[in-house]
Amino acid sequence: MATLLSYAWIVPVVFVIVFFALNVRLKPVCPSCGRRSTDRIKRPFLIKKILFFLPLLYMQCWFCHKKYYHLAIDKKSPKNKTGSLNAP
């Protein structure tokens, strides 16, 4: 029989999944009012230290002051050998 402690890892995993579902957006659009007028602000200490490997940006809406995370997965266009995007 499995003890209750063997299933203790489920609680933090569920917490992380719920946190991402409610607070993380793929576009920098406010989840409350839907506007793109947002500012980047400093991440909290624990999020910065625990989730350092994720490209999370902490954003705040100008109008409704809702704070949320933006997962910055931007695909940049590849540079050519000279390092310039417009070079022939």
C-alpha atoms as a PDB file:
ATOM      1  CA  MET A   1       0.000   0.000   0.000  1.00  0.00           C
ATOM      2  CA  ALA A   2       1.197   3.436  -0.861  1.00  0.00           C
ATOM      3  CA  THR A   3       1.336   5.935   1.916  1.00  0.00           C
ATOM      4  CA  LEU A   4      -0.016   9.439   1.738  1.00  0.00           C
ATOM      5  CA  LEU A   5       3.506  10.865   1.604  1.00  0.00           C
ATOM      6  CA  SER A   6       4.264   9.040  -1.620  1.00  0.00           C
ATOM      7  CA  TYR A   7       1.622  11.200  -3.322  1.00  0.00           C
ATOM      8  CA  ALA A   8       2.861  14.483  -1.823  1.00  0.00           C
ATOM      9  CA  TRP A   9       4.501  15.505  -5.117  1.00  0.00           C
ATOM     10  CA  ILE A  10       1.055  15.920  -6.702  1.00  0.00           C
ATOM     11  CA  VAL A  11       0.195  19.032  -4.672  1.00  0.00           C
ATOM     12  CA  PRO A  12       3.056  21.255  -5.991  1.00  0.00           C
ATOM     13  CA  VAL A  13       2.537  19.978  -9.545  1.00  0.00           C
ATOM     14  CA  VAL A  14      -1.163  20.862  -9.440  1.00  0.00           C
ATOM     15  CA  PHE A  15      -0.295  24.253  -7.920  1.00  0.00           C
ATOM     16  CA  VAL A  16       2.146  25.021 -10.760  1.00  0.00           C
ATOM     17  CA  ILE A  17      -0.371  23.948 -13.419  1.00  0.00           C
ATOM     18  CA  VAL A  18      -3.115  26.129 -11.909  1.00  0.00           C
ATOM     19  CA  PHE A  19      -0.674  29.057 -11.547  1.00  0.00           C
ATOM     20  CA  PHE A  20       0.294  28.858 -15.224  1.00  0.00           C
ATOM     21  CA  ALA A  21      -3.289  28.462 -16.384  1.00  0.00           C
ATOM     22  CA  LEU A  22      -4.486  31.533 -14.490  1.00  0.00           C
ATOM     23  CA  ASN A  23      -1.508  33.891 -14.727  1.00  0.00           C
ATOM     24  CA  VAL A  24       0.623  33.144 -17.786  1.00  0.00           C
ATOM     25  CA  ARG A  25      -0.251  34.499 -21.234  1.00  0.00           C
ATOM     26  CA  LEU A  26       1.426  33.862 -24.582  1.00  0.00           C
ATOM     27  CA  LYS A  27       0.637  37.365 -25.865  1.00  0.00           C
ATOM     28  CA  PRO A  28       1.266  40.606 -23.950  1.00  0.00           C
ATOM     29  CA  VAL A  29      -2.476  41.310 -23.714  1.00  0.00           C
ATOM     30  CA  CYS A  30      -4.175  42.045 -20.408  1.00  0.00           C
ATOM     31  CA  PRO A  31      -6.305  39.044 -19.356  1.00  0.00           C
ATOM     32  CA  SER A  32      -8.777  41.327 -17.598  1.00  0.00           C
ATOM     33  CA  CYS A  33      -9.528  44.116 -20.089  1.00  0.00           C
ATOM     34  CA  GLY A  34      -7.861  42.781 -23.276  1.00  0.00           C
ATOM     35  CA  ARG A  35      -5.710  45.852 -23.999  1.00  0.00           C
ATOM     36  CA  ARG A  36      -2.111  45.758 -25.174  1.00  0.00           C
ATOM     37  CA  SER A  37      -1.073  48.764 -23.059  1.00  0.00           C
ATOM     38  CA  THR A  38       1.132  47.025 -20.551  1.00  0.00           C
ATOM     39  CA  ASP A  39       4.409  47.708 -18.783  1.00  0.00           C
ATOM     40  CA  ARG A  40       7.039  45.254 -17.722  1.00  0.00           C
ATOM     41  CA  ILE A  41       7.703  45.212 -13.967  1.00  0.00           C
ATOM     42  CA  LYS A  42      10.127  43.304 -11.730  1.00  0.00           C
ATOM     43  CA  ARG A  43       9.315  39.666 -10.969  1.00  0.00           C
ATOM     44  CA  PRO A  44       8.850  38.584  -7.348  1.00  0.00           C
ATOM     45  CA  PHE A  45      11.939  37.082  -5.690  1.00  0.00           C
ATOM     46  CA  LEU A  46      10.624  33.503  -5.413  1.00  0.00           C
ATOM     47  CA  ILE A  47       9.469  33.370  -9.038  1.00  0.00           C
ATOM     48  CA  LYS A  48      12.817  34.764 -10.165  1.00  0.00           C
ATOM     49  CA  LYS A  49      14.788  32.170  -8.176  1.00  0.00           C
ATOM     50  CA  ILE A  50      12.578  29.108  -8.730  1.00  0.00           C
ATOM     51  CA  LEU A  51      11.554  29.609 -12.371  1.00  0.00           C
ATOM     52  CA  PHE A  52      14.801  31.198 -13.581  1.00  0.00           C
ATOM     53  CA  PHE A  53      14.954  28.892 -16.612  1.00  0.00           C
ATOM     54  CA  LEU A  54      11.637  30.137 -18.077  1.00  0.00           C
ATOM     55  CA  PRO A  55      11.473  33.349 -20.145  1.00  0.00           C
ATOM     56  CA  LEU A  56       8.700  34.819 -17.983  1.00  0.00           C
ATOM     57  CA  LEU A  57       8.060  38.556 -18.111  1.00  0.00           C
ATOM     58  CA  TYR A  58       5.993  40.138 -15.350  1.00  0.00           C
ATOM     59  CA  MET A  59       3.579  42.658 -16.843  1.00  0.00           C
ATOM     60  CA  GLN A  60       1.039  45.164 -15.498  1.00  0.00           C
ATOM     61  CA  CYS A  61      -1.847  46.760 -17.390  1.00  0.00           C
ATOM     62  CA  TRP A  62      -2.016  50.565 -17.479  1.00  0.00           C
ATOM     63  CA  PHE A  63      -5.788  50.707 -17.281  1.00  0.00           C
ATOM     64  CA  CYS A  64      -6.983  48.020 -14.868  1.00  0.00           C
ATOM     65  CA  HIS A  65      -3.642  47.458 -13.033  1.00  0.00           C
ATOM     66  CA  LYS A  66      -3.915  43.669 -13.428  1.00  0.00           C
ATOM     67  CA  LYS A  67      -0.570  41.889 -13.051  1.00  0.00           C
ATOM     68  CA  TYR A  68       0.190  38.810 -15.114  1.00  0.00           C
ATOM     69  CA  TYR A  69       3.073  36.831 -16.601  1.00  0.00           C
ATOM     70  CA  HIS A  70       3.940  36.782 -20.276  1.00  0.00           C
ATOM     71  CA  LEU A  71       5.799  33.739 -21.582  1.00  0.00           C
ATOM     72  CA  ALA A  72       8.138  35.362 -24.113  1.00  0.00           C
ATOM     73  CA  ILE A  73       8.651  32.715 -26.765  1.00  0.00           C
ATOM     74  CA  ASP A  74       9.429  34.984 -29.699  1.00  0.00           C
ATOM     75  CA  LYS A  75      10.852  33.421 -32.810  1.00  0.00           C
ATOM     76  CA  LYS A  76      13.457  35.825 -34.100  1.00  0.00           C
ATOM     77  CA  SER A  77      14.372  35.824 -37.750  1.00  0.00           C
ATOM     78  CA  PRO A  78      17.749  34.194 -38.338  1.00  0.00           C
ATOM     79  CA  LYS A  79      20.665  36.433 -39.242  1.00  0.00           C
ATOM     80  CA  ASN A  80      22.834  35.726 -42.210  1.00  0.00           C
ATOM     81  CA  LYS A  81      26.619  35.293 -42.049  1.00  0.00           C
ATOM     82  CA  THR A  82      27.363  39.038 -42.050  1.00  0.00           C
ATOM     83  CA  GLY A  83      25.149  39.625 -38.999  1.00  0.00           C
ATOM     84  CA  SER A  84      22.834  42.045 -40.793  1.00  0.00           C
ATOM     85  CA  LEU A  85      19.237  41.271 -41.594  1.00  0.00           C
ATOM     86  CA  ASN A  86      19.118  43.441 -44.715  1.00  0.00           C
ATOM     87  CA  ALA A  87      22.434  42.490 -46.311  1.00  0.00           C
ATOM     88  CA  PRO A  88      22.244  40.720 -49.708  1.00  0.00           C
END
